[in-house]
């Protein structure tokens, strides 16, 4: 499958977005933070928060020395705020185990809190230039269509890494570009709902296009509606706590929320997840 690589590399050189983490010298810590933030979050929302985060904590040791509450507060409205706690804990582990330097080896990266297969390989490839397959949702969709002839990828599987590895050139630099280019192609051209096949550099090689764009089904997990959800209630509680330096009396936490049982579930789940502490009748961010 490496025959896809030359066309994808050439397309990327002319079409890649100008993103902060692609600037030479951005550094492994910046790449790691960006990958935490980019999980299930649009690029446009990440960039300003990433900039603020790295200005405040330019190295893992700086974040490790801060309180978890500071990390949750700085996370602001990015969503899935447990990522802030995981990133804080990962910074502590980097400071304690790796002398404050983000590790290069995939196994060491995987041992950090909150780091999975994608993030570990992304740091090793995009920060350190090593040769590994990197697979995200966009990559999986491109491979499913171009090679598998399917309209959408199946659920994530270990075989995804093997599929991407088969596409990578042997040259280390080219392999890193193909990893980034395949993700970019999925984000900009081979999109989930309205793929722009006329703009695709590998349309002439695409198995799905050759088969007439058949609808082969979609087994992707659908995200529950946000409006009216427990996630929305959790977000409202966290917003109030971020704005209150000394916490909020439990009786005053989103007191006007229209669904009292949902309010209670939100408070309880935040405490269970370590995102809030209930002490002496007051709810606050974790110390």
C-alpha atoms as a PDB file:
ATOM      1  CA  UNK A   1       0.000   0.000   0.000  1.00  0.00           C
ATOM      2  CA  UNK A   2       2.917   2.491   0.101  1.00  0.00           C
ATOM      3  CA  UNK A   3       1.882   3.558  -3.415  1.00  0.00           C
ATOM      4  CA  UNK A   4      -0.476   6.017  -1.698  1.00  0.00           C
ATOM      5  CA  UNK A   5       2.400   7.852  -0.020  1.00  0.00           C
ATOM      6  CA  UNK A   6       3.840  10.014  -2.839  1.00  0.00           C
ATOM      7  CA  UNK A   7       0.490  11.561  -3.777  1.00  0.00           C
ATOM      8  CA  UNK A   8      -0.449  12.181  -0.141  1.00  0.00           C
ATOM      9  CA  UNK A   9       2.938  13.774   0.637  1.00  0.00           C
ATOM     10  CA  UNK A  10       2.734  16.089  -2.379  1.00  0.00           C
ATOM     11  CA  UNK A  11      -0.821  17.136  -1.492  1.00  0.00           C
ATOM     12  CA  UNK A  12       0.154  17.819   2.118  1.00  0.00           C
ATOM     13  CA  UNK A  13       3.045  20.070   1.149  1.00  0.00           C
ATOM     14  CA  UNK A  14       0.628  22.406  -0.602  1.00  0.00           C
ATOM     15  CA  UNK A  15      -2.462  22.057   1.589  1.00  0.00           C
ATOM     16  CA  UNK A  16      -1.426  21.499   5.217  1.00  0.00           C
ATOM     17  CA  UNK A  17      -2.930  23.952   7.666  1.00  0.00           C
ATOM     18  CA  UNK A  18      -0.604  26.285   9.529  1.00  0.00           C
ATOM     19  CA  UNK A  19      -1.034  24.918  13.056  1.00  0.00           C
ATOM     20  CA  UNK A  20       1.098  25.726  16.125  1.00  0.00           C
ATOM     21  CA  UNK A  21       2.176  22.157  16.830  1.00  0.00           C
ATOM     22  CA  UNK A  22       3.549  21.843  13.278  1.00  0.00           C
ATOM     23  CA  UNK A  23       6.053  24.665  13.732  1.00  0.00           C
ATOM     24  CA  UNK A  24       9.615  23.286  13.932  1.00  0.00           C
ATOM     25  CA  UNK A  25      10.885  23.304  17.476  1.00  0.00           C
ATOM     26  CA  UNK A  26       7.438  23.322  19.065  1.00  0.00           C
ATOM     27  CA  UNK A  27       8.714  20.678  21.466  1.00  0.00           C
ATOM     28  CA  UNK A  28       7.513  17.393  22.911  1.00  0.00           C
ATOM     29  CA  UNK A  29       5.692  19.021  25.845  1.00  0.00           C
ATOM     30  CA  UNK A  30       3.720  21.265  23.499  1.00  0.00           C
ATOM     31  CA  UNK A  31       2.870  18.307  21.272  1.00  0.00           C
ATOM     32  CA  UNK A  32       1.735  16.263  24.267  1.00  0.00           C
ATOM     33  CA  UNK A  33      -0.481  19.076  25.572  1.00  0.00           C
ATOM     34  CA  UNK A  34      -1.965  19.654  22.123  1.00  0.00           C
ATOM     35  CA  UNK A  35      -2.790  15.975  21.713  1.00  0.00           C
ATOM     36  CA  UNK A  36      -4.582  15.901  25.080  1.00  0.00           C
ATOM     37  CA  UNK A  37      -6.599  18.954  24.092  1.00  0.00           C
ATOM     38  CA  UNK A  38      -7.411  17.792  20.569  1.00  0.00           C
ATOM     39  CA  UNK A  39      -9.161  14.619  21.721  1.00  0.00           C
ATOM     40  CA  UNK A  40     -12.787  15.103  20.609  1.00  0.00           C
ATOM     41  CA  UNK A  41     -12.306  18.876  20.423  1.00  0.00           C
ATOM     42  CA  UNK A  42     -12.167  21.058  17.269  1.00  0.00           C
ATOM     43  CA  UNK A  43      -8.848  22.666  16.356  1.00  0.00           C
ATOM     44  CA  UNK A  44     -10.275  26.200  16.476  1.00  0.00           C
ATOM     45  CA  UNK A  45     -11.239  25.802  20.131  1.00  0.00           C
ATOM     46  CA  UNK A  46      -7.922  24.230  21.084  1.00  0.00           C
ATOM     47  CA  UNK A  47      -5.478  26.809  19.711  1.00  0.00           C
ATOM     48  CA  UNK A  48      -6.236  29.710  22.124  1.00  0.00           C
ATOM     49  CA  UNK A  49      -6.361  27.393  25.142  1.00  0.00           C
ATOM     50  CA  UNK A  50      -3.125  25.691  24.095  1.00  0.00           C
ATOM     51  CA  UNK A  51      -1.382  29.043  23.776  1.00  0.00           C
ATOM     52  CA  UNK A  52      -2.570  30.155  27.210  1.00  0.00           C
ATOM     53  CA  UNK A  53      -1.644  26.805  28.764  1.00  0.00           C
ATOM     54  CA  UNK A  54       1.926  26.789  27.426  1.00  0.00           C
ATOM     55  CA  UNK A  55       2.455  30.417  28.410  1.00  0.00           C
ATOM     56  CA  UNK A  56       1.477  29.542  31.963  1.00  0.00           C
ATOM     57  CA  UNK A  57       3.160  26.125  32.121  1.00  0.00           C
ATOM     58  CA  UNK A  58       5.930  25.980  29.502  1.00  0.00           C
ATOM     59  CA  UNK A  59       7.333  22.712  30.870  1.00  0.00           C
ATOM     60  CA  UNK A  60       5.981  19.630  32.661  1.00  0.00           C
ATOM     61  CA  UNK A  61       7.629  20.620  35.945  1.00  0.00           C
ATOM     62  CA  UNK A  62       5.747  23.921  35.953  1.00  0.00           C
ATOM     63  CA  UNK A  63       2.390  22.185  35.671  1.00  0.00           C
ATOM     64  CA  UNK A  64       3.417  19.490  38.163  1.00  0.00           C
ATOM     65  CA  UNK A  65       4.088  22.217  40.753  1.00  0.00           C
ATOM     66  CA  UNK A  66       0.619  23.710  40.273  1.00  0.00           C
ATOM     67  CA  UNK A  67      -2.555  22.560  42.008  1.00  0.00           C
ATOM     68  CA  UNK A  68      -4.943  20.272  40.107  1.00  0.00           C
ATOM     69  CA  UNK A  69      -7.592  22.969  40.547  1.00  0.00           C
ATOM     70  CA  UNK A  70      -5.446  25.349  38.493  1.00  0.00           C
ATOM     71  CA  UNK A  71      -5.354  22.825  35.652  1.00  0.00           C
ATOM     72  CA  UNK A  72      -9.133  22.342  35.725  1.00  0.00           C
ATOM     73  CA  UNK A  73      -9.683  26.107  35.798  1.00  0.00           C
ATOM     74  CA  UNK A  74      -7.277  26.720  32.897  1.00  0.00           C
ATOM     75  CA  UNK A  75      -8.975  23.975  30.886  1.00  0.00           C
ATOM     76  CA  UNK A  76     -11.985  26.327  30.730  1.00  0.00           C
ATOM     77  CA  UNK A  77     -14.610  25.210  28.220  1.00  0.00           C
ATOM     78  CA  UNK A  78     -12.670  22.586  26.283  1.00  0.00           C
ATOM     79  CA  UNK A  79     -14.951  19.818  27.505  1.00  0.00           C
ATOM     80  CA  UNK A  80     -14.147  16.373  28.924  1.00  0.00           C
ATOM     81  CA  UNK A  81     -12.365  18.086  31.851  1.00  0.00           C
ATOM     82  CA  UNK A  82     -10.950  14.857  33.260  1.00  0.00           C
ATOM     83  CA  UNK A  83      -8.314  15.357  30.589  1.00  0.00           C
ATOM     84  CA  UNK A  84      -7.048  18.330  32.608  1.00  0.00           C
ATOM     85  CA  UNK A  85      -6.527  16.125  35.665  1.00  0.00           C
ATOM     86  CA  UNK A  86      -4.893  13.408  33.568  1.00  0.00           C
ATOM     87  CA  UNK A  87      -2.542  15.920  31.962  1.00  0.00           C
ATOM     88  CA  UNK A  88      -1.653  17.320  35.375  1.00  0.00           C
ATOM     89  CA  UNK A  89      -0.892  13.822  36.667  1.00  0.00           C
ATOM     90  CA  UNK A  90       1.120  13.026  33.536  1.00  0.00           C
ATOM     91  CA  UNK A  91       3.185  16.157  34.192  1.00  0.00           C
ATOM     92  CA  UNK A  92       3.839  14.968  37.752  1.00  0.00           C
ATOM     93  CA  UNK A  93       4.948  11.581  36.405  1.00  0.00           C
ATOM     94  CA  UNK A  94       7.228  13.194  33.812  1.00  0.00           C
ATOM     95  CA  UNK A  95       8.803  15.347  36.512  1.00  0.00           C
ATOM     96  CA  UNK A  96       9.259  12.415  38.897  1.00  0.00           C
ATOM     97  CA  UNK A  97      10.260   9.635  36.477  1.00  0.00           C
ATOM     98  CA  UNK A  98      11.864  11.395  33.521  1.00  0.00           C
ATOM     99  CA  UNK A  99      13.676  14.402  34.985  1.00  0.00           C
ATOM    100  CA  UNK A 100      11.042  16.711  33.554  1.00  0.00           C
ATOM    101  CA  UNK A 101      11.543  15.607  29.942  1.00  0.00           C
ATOM    102  CA  UNK A 102       8.683  14.072  27.961  1.00  0.00           C
ATOM    103  CA  UNK A 103       9.867  10.536  27.163  1.00  0.00           C
ATOM    104  CA  UNK A 104      10.522   9.446  23.603  1.00  0.00           C
ATOM    105  CA  UNK A 105       9.800   5.718  23.805  1.00  0.00           C
ATOM    106  CA  UNK A 106       6.243   4.638  23.100  1.00  0.00           C
ATOM    107  CA  UNK A 107       6.224   2.232  26.066  1.00  0.00           C
ATOM    108  CA  UNK A 108       7.252   5.026  28.446  1.00  0.00           C
ATOM    109  CA  UNK A 109       4.661   7.374  26.971  1.00  0.00           C
ATOM    110  CA  UNK A 110       1.939   4.736  27.321  1.00  0.00           C
ATOM    111  CA  UNK A 111       2.787   4.468  31.029  1.00  0.00           C
ATOM    112  CA  UNK A 112       1.769   8.116  31.573  1.00  0.00           C
ATOM    113  CA  UNK A 113      -1.721   8.858  32.889  1.00  0.00           C
ATOM    114  CA  UNK A 114      -4.209   9.618  30.122  1.00  0.00           C
ATOM    115  CA  UNK A 115      -1.898   8.580  27.268  1.00  0.00           C
ATOM    116  CA  UNK A 116      -3.207   5.938  24.871  1.00  0.00           C
ATOM    117  CA  UNK A 117      -2.000   4.356  21.649  1.00  0.00           C
ATOM    118  CA  UNK A 118      -2.689   7.386  19.492  1.00  0.00           C
ATOM    119  CA  UNK A 119      -1.187  10.025  21.783  1.00  0.00           C
ATOM    120  CA  UNK A 120       1.940   7.987  22.552  1.00  0.00           C
ATOM    121  CA  UNK A 121       2.738   7.433  18.899  1.00  0.00           C
ATOM    122  CA  UNK A 122       1.822  10.989  17.950  1.00  0.00           C
ATOM    123  CA  UNK A 123       4.381  12.363  20.417  1.00  0.00           C
ATOM    124  CA  UNK A 124       7.061   9.892  19.306  1.00  0.00           C
ATOM    125  CA  UNK A 125       6.478  10.730  15.642  1.00  0.00           C
ATOM    126  CA  UNK A 126       5.627  14.427  15.581  1.00  0.00           C
ATOM    127  CA  UNK A 127       7.876  15.579  18.430  1.00  0.00           C
ATOM    128  CA  UNK A 128      10.808  13.198  18.072  1.00  0.00           C
ATOM    129  CA  UNK A 129      10.628  12.139  14.429  1.00  0.00           C
ATOM    130  CA  UNK A 130      10.489   8.386  15.059  1.00  0.00           C
ATOM    131  CA  UNK A 131       8.823   5.963  12.673  1.00  0.00           C
ATOM    132  CA  UNK A 132       5.525   4.579  14.003  1.00  0.00           C
ATOM    133  CA  UNK A 133       2.012   4.331  12.584  1.00  0.00           C
ATOM    134  CA  UNK A 134      -0.249   7.049  14.012  1.00  0.00           C
ATOM    135  CA  UNK A 135      -3.980   6.433  13.716  1.00  0.00           C
ATOM    136  CA  UNK A 136      -6.824   8.790  14.575  1.00  0.00           C
ATOM    137  CA  UNK A 137     -10.449   8.927  13.413  1.00  0.00           C
ATOM    138  CA  UNK A 138      -9.551  10.774  10.217  1.00  0.00           C
ATOM    139  CA  UNK A 139      -6.794   8.309   9.379  1.00  0.00           C
ATOM    140  CA  UNK A 140      -9.097   5.359   9.896  1.00  0.00           C
ATOM    141  CA  UNK A 141     -11.695   6.842   7.551  1.00  0.00           C
ATOM    142  CA  UNK A 142      -9.143   7.444   4.768  1.00  0.00           C
ATOM    143  CA  UNK A 143      -7.825   3.903   5.066  1.00  0.00           C
ATOM    144  CA  UNK A 144     -11.312   2.399   5.210  1.00  0.00           C
ATOM    145  CA  UNK A 145     -12.259   4.104   1.959  1.00  0.00           C
ATOM    146  CA  UNK A 146      -9.029   4.094  -0.021  1.00  0.00           C
ATOM    147  CA  UNK A 147      -7.953   0.563   0.847  1.00  0.00           C
ATOM    148  CA  UNK A 148     -10.991  -1.209   2.316  1.00  0.00           C
ATOM    149  CA  UNK A 149     -13.630   0.177  -0.046  1.00  0.00           C
ATOM    150  CA  UNK A 150     -15.928   1.005   2.876  1.00  0.00           C
ATOM    151  CA  UNK A 151     -17.919   4.203   3.347  1.00  0.00           C
ATOM    152  CA  UNK A 152     -16.996   4.407   7.046  1.00  0.00           C
ATOM    153  CA  UNK A 153     -14.452   2.631   9.246  1.00  0.00           C
ATOM    154  CA  UNK A 154     -15.507  -0.002  11.743  1.00  0.00           C
ATOM    155  CA  UNK A 155     -14.930   0.352  15.481  1.00  0.00           C
ATOM    156  CA  UNK A 156     -11.309   1.085  16.490  1.00  0.00           C
ATOM    157  CA  UNK A 157      -9.172  -2.056  16.497  1.00  0.00           C
ATOM    158  CA  UNK A 158      -5.553  -3.091  16.957  1.00  0.00           C
ATOM    159  CA  UNK A 159      -5.442  -3.908  13.245  1.00  0.00           C
ATOM    160  CA  UNK A 160      -5.722  -0.170  12.483  1.00  0.00           C
ATOM    161  CA  UNK A 161      -2.050   0.247  13.386  1.00  0.00           C
ATOM    162  CA  UNK A 162      -1.094  -2.595  11.042  1.00  0.00           C
ATOM    163  CA  UNK A 163      -3.111  -1.010   8.231  1.00  0.00           C
ATOM    164  CA  UNK A 164      -1.352   2.325   8.684  1.00  0.00           C
ATOM    165  CA  UNK A 165       2.057   0.671   9.023  1.00  0.00           C
ATOM    166  CA  UNK A 166       1.531  -0.898   5.605  1.00  0.00           C
ATOM    167  CA  UNK A 167       1.097   2.569   4.075  1.00  0.00           C
ATOM    168  CA  UNK A 168       4.202   4.155   5.609  1.00  0.00           C
ATOM    169  CA  UNK A 169       7.352   4.652   3.512  1.00  0.00           C
ATOM    170  CA  UNK A 170      10.581   3.259   4.910  1.00  0.00           C
ATOM    171  CA  UNK A 171      12.162   6.701   5.055  1.00  0.00           C
ATOM    172  CA  UNK A 172      11.642   8.064   8.580  1.00  0.00           C
ATOM    173  CA  UNK A 173      10.973  11.653   7.517  1.00  0.00           C
ATOM    174  CA  UNK A 174       8.534  10.629   4.790  1.00  0.00           C
ATOM    175  CA  UNK A 175       6.762   8.289   7.216  1.00  0.00           C
ATOM    176  CA  UNK A 176       6.124  11.172   9.622  1.00  0.00           C
ATOM    177  CA  UNK A 177       4.750  13.284   6.782  1.00  0.00           C
ATOM    178  CA  UNK A 178       2.442  10.474   5.626  1.00  0.00           C
ATOM    179  CA  UNK A 179       1.086  10.104   9.166  1.00  0.00           C
ATOM    180  CA  UNK A 180       0.281  13.812   9.347  1.00  0.00           C
ATOM    181  CA  UNK A 181      -0.906  14.018   5.743  1.00  0.00           C
ATOM    182  CA  UNK A 182      -3.361  11.142   6.068  1.00  0.00           C
ATOM    183  CA  UNK A 183      -4.944  12.753   9.123  1.00  0.00           C
ATOM    184  CA  UNK A 184      -5.112  16.092   7.326  1.00  0.00           C
ATOM    185  CA  UNK A 185      -6.668  14.496   4.258  1.00  0.00           C
ATOM    186  CA  UNK A 186      -9.395  12.978   6.419  1.00  0.00           C
ATOM    187  CA  UNK A 187     -10.002  16.276   8.216  1.00  0.00           C
ATOM    188  CA  UNK A 188     -10.182  18.472   5.117  1.00  0.00           C
ATOM    189  CA  UNK A 189     -11.164  16.306   2.137  1.00  0.00           C
ATOM    190  CA  UNK A 190     -12.187  12.749   3.008  1.00  0.00           C
ATOM    191  CA  UNK A 191     -14.694  13.946   5.588  1.00  0.00           C
ATOM    192  CA  UNK A 192     -17.306  11.759   7.240  1.00  0.00           C
ATOM    193  CA  UNK A 193     -20.446  13.256   5.707  1.00  0.00           C
ATOM    194  CA  UNK A 194     -19.460  15.135   2.560  1.00  0.00           C
ATOM    195  CA  UNK A 195     -16.173  13.848   1.142  1.00  0.00           C
ATOM    196  CA  UNK A 196     -14.733  16.028  -1.622  1.00  0.00           C
ATOM    197  CA  UNK A 197     -13.489  13.280  -3.904  1.00  0.00           C
ATOM    198  CA  UNK A 198     -12.852  15.760  -6.704  1.00  0.00           C
ATOM    199  CA  UNK A 199     -10.137  17.376  -4.539  1.00  0.00           C
ATOM    200  CA  UNK A 200      -8.592  14.133  -3.285  1.00  0.00           C
ATOM    201  CA  UNK A 201      -5.020  13.357  -4.379  1.00  0.00           C
ATOM    202  CA  UNK A 202      -5.618   9.603  -4.147  1.00  0.00           C
ATOM    203  CA  UNK A 203      -9.078   9.476  -5.749  1.00  0.00           C
ATOM    204  CA  UNK A 204      -7.622   7.504  -8.664  1.00  0.00           C
ATOM    205  CA  UNK A 205      -6.363   4.884  -6.191  1.00  0.00           C
ATOM    206  CA  UNK A 206      -9.428   4.778  -3.931  1.00  0.00           C
ATOM    207  CA  UNK A 207     -11.219   1.431  -3.677  1.00  0.00           C
ATOM    208  CA  UNK A 208     -14.427   3.046  -2.399  1.00  0.00           C
ATOM    209  CA  UNK A 209     -14.597   5.464  -5.338  1.00  0.00           C
ATOM    210  CA  UNK A 210     -13.825   2.672  -7.798  1.00  0.00           C
ATOM    211  CA  UNK A 211     -16.735   0.668  -6.366  1.00  0.00           C
ATOM    212  CA  UNK A 212     -19.153   3.559  -6.920  1.00  0.00           C
ATOM    213  CA  UNK A 213     -19.193   4.964  -3.353  1.00  0.00           C
ATOM    214  CA  UNK A 214     -21.387   2.202  -1.862  1.00  0.00           C
ATOM    215  CA  UNK A 215     -23.019   2.721   1.525  1.00  0.00           C
ATOM    216  CA  UNK A 216     -21.467  -0.077   3.550  1.00  0.00           C
ATOM    217  CA  UNK A 217     -23.018   0.992   6.844  1.00  0.00           C
ATOM    218  CA  UNK A 218     -21.759   3.003   9.765  1.00  0.00           C
ATOM    219  CA  UNK A 219     -20.862   1.320  13.041  1.00  0.00           C
ATOM    220  CA  UNK A 220     -19.424   4.444  14.631  1.00  0.00           C
ATOM    221  CA  UNK A 221     -20.591   5.136  18.151  1.00  0.00           C
ATOM    222  CA  UNK A 222     -22.911   8.140  18.232  1.00  0.00           C
ATOM    223  CA  UNK A 223     -22.350  10.783  20.862  1.00  0.00           C
ATOM    224  CA  UNK A 224     -25.391  11.537  22.992  1.00  0.00           C
ATOM    225  CA  UNK A 225     -27.064  14.929  22.583  1.00  0.00           C
ATOM    226  CA  UNK A 226     -25.426  17.587  24.760  1.00  0.00           C
ATOM    227  CA  UNK A 227     -28.434  19.805  25.395  1.00  0.00           C
ATOM    228  CA  UNK A 228     -30.272  18.564  28.475  1.00  0.00           C
ATOM    229  CA  UNK A 229     -27.654  15.887  29.169  1.00  0.00           C
ATOM    230  CA  UNK A 230     -25.794  15.078  32.365  1.00  0.00           C
ATOM    231  CA  UNK A 231     -22.671  16.378  30.595  1.00  0.00           C
ATOM    232  CA  UNK A 232     -24.294  19.775  30.270  1.00  0.00           C
ATOM    233  CA  UNK A 233     -25.167  19.752  33.973  1.00  0.00           C
ATOM    234  CA  UNK A 234     -21.596  18.777  34.872  1.00  0.00           C
ATOM    235  CA  UNK A 235     -20.320  21.603  32.699  1.00  0.00           C
ATOM    236  CA  UNK A 236     -22.575  24.095  34.454  1.00  0.00           C
ATOM    237  CA  UNK A 237     -21.325  22.974  37.871  1.00  0.00           C
ATOM    238  CA  UNK A 238     -17.682  23.220  36.800  1.00  0.00           C
ATOM    239  CA  UNK A 239     -18.223  26.661  35.299  1.00  0.00           C
ATOM    240  CA  UNK A 240     -19.581  27.895  38.613  1.00  0.00           C
ATOM    241  CA  UNK A 241     -16.696  26.327  40.534  1.00  0.00           C
ATOM    242  CA  UNK A 242     -14.076  27.807  38.180  1.00  0.00           C
ATOM    243  CA  UNK A 243     -15.507  31.255  38.836  1.00  0.00           C
ATOM    244  CA  UNK A 244     -15.521  30.832  42.631  1.00  0.00           C
ATOM    245  CA  UNK A 245     -12.083  31.050  44.205  1.00  0.00           C
ATOM    246  CA  UNK A 246     -13.215  29.555  47.541  1.00  0.00           C
ATOM    247  CA  UNK A 247     -15.831  27.109  46.334  1.00  0.00           C
ATOM    248  CA  UNK A 248     -19.624  27.249  46.468  1.00  0.00           C
ATOM    249  CA  UNK A 249     -22.036  26.195  49.203  1.00  0.00           C
ATOM    250  CA  UNK A 250     -23.583  22.895  48.129  1.00  0.00           C
ATOM    251  CA  UNK A 251     -27.077  24.335  48.395  1.00  0.00           C
ATOM    252  CA  UNK A 252     -26.094  27.118  45.981  1.00  0.00           C
ATOM    253  CA  UNK A 253     -24.556  24.943  43.253  1.00  0.00           C
ATOM    254  CA  UNK A 254     -26.528  25.596  40.014  1.00  0.00           C
ATOM    255  CA  UNK A 255     -29.509  26.060  42.282  1.00  0.00           C
ATOM    256  CA  UNK A 256     -31.797  27.060  39.405  1.00  0.00           C
ATOM    257  CA  UNK A 257     -31.058  23.941  37.339  1.00  0.00           C
ATOM    258  CA  UNK A 258     -34.437  22.696  36.021  1.00  0.00           C
ATOM    259  CA  UNK A 259     -33.819  19.015  36.819  1.00  0.00           C
ATOM    260  CA  UNK A 260     -32.880  18.573  40.532  1.00  0.00           C
ATOM    261  CA  UNK A 261     -32.028  14.833  40.275  1.00  0.00           C
ATOM    262  CA  UNK A 262     -29.763  15.586  37.318  1.00  0.00           C
ATOM    263  CA  UNK A 263     -28.122  18.337  39.348  1.00  0.00           C
ATOM    264  CA  UNK A 264     -27.415  15.864  42.148  1.00  0.00           C
ATOM    265  CA  UNK A 265     -26.025  13.322  39.674  1.00  0.00           C
ATOM    266  CA  UNK A 266     -23.735  15.962  38.194  1.00  0.00           C
ATOM    267  CA  UNK A 267     -22.341  16.973  41.581  1.00  0.00           C
ATOM    268  CA  UNK A 268     -21.883  13.355  42.671  1.00  0.00           C
ATOM    269  CA  UNK A 269     -20.172  12.297  39.453  1.00  0.00           C
ATOM    270  CA  UNK A 270     -17.752  15.226  39.561  1.00  0.00           C
ATOM    271  CA  UNK A 271     -16.751  14.274  43.099  1.00  0.00           C
ATOM    272  CA  UNK A 272     -16.312  10.620  42.085  1.00  0.00           C
ATOM    273  CA  UNK A 273     -14.167  11.667  39.099  1.00  0.00           C
ATOM    274  CA  UNK A 274     -11.948  13.831  41.303  1.00  0.00           C
ATOM    275  CA  UNK A 275     -12.980  17.025  39.544  1.00  0.00           C
ATOM    276  CA  UNK A 276     -14.624  18.463  42.664  1.00  0.00           C
ATOM    277  CA  UNK A 277     -14.388  18.088  46.428  1.00  0.00           C
ATOM    278  CA  UNK A 278     -17.256  18.369  48.909  1.00  0.00           C
ATOM    279  CA  UNK A 279     -15.855  19.600  52.208  1.00  0.00           C
ATOM    280  CA  UNK A 280     -17.872  21.027  55.090  1.00  0.00           C
ATOM    281  CA  UNK A 281     -20.937  21.778  53.012  1.00  0.00           C
ATOM    282  CA  UNK A 282     -18.879  23.449  50.277  1.00  0.00           C
ATOM    283  CA  UNK A 283     -18.118  22.208  46.780  1.00  0.00           C
ATOM    284  CA  UNK A 284     -14.826  23.282  45.261  1.00  0.00           C
ATOM    285  CA  UNK A 285     -12.281  22.317  42.624  1.00  0.00           C
ATOM    286  CA  UNK A 286      -9.705  19.706  43.742  1.00  0.00           C
ATOM    287  CA  UNK A 287      -6.889  21.126  45.834  1.00  0.00           C
END
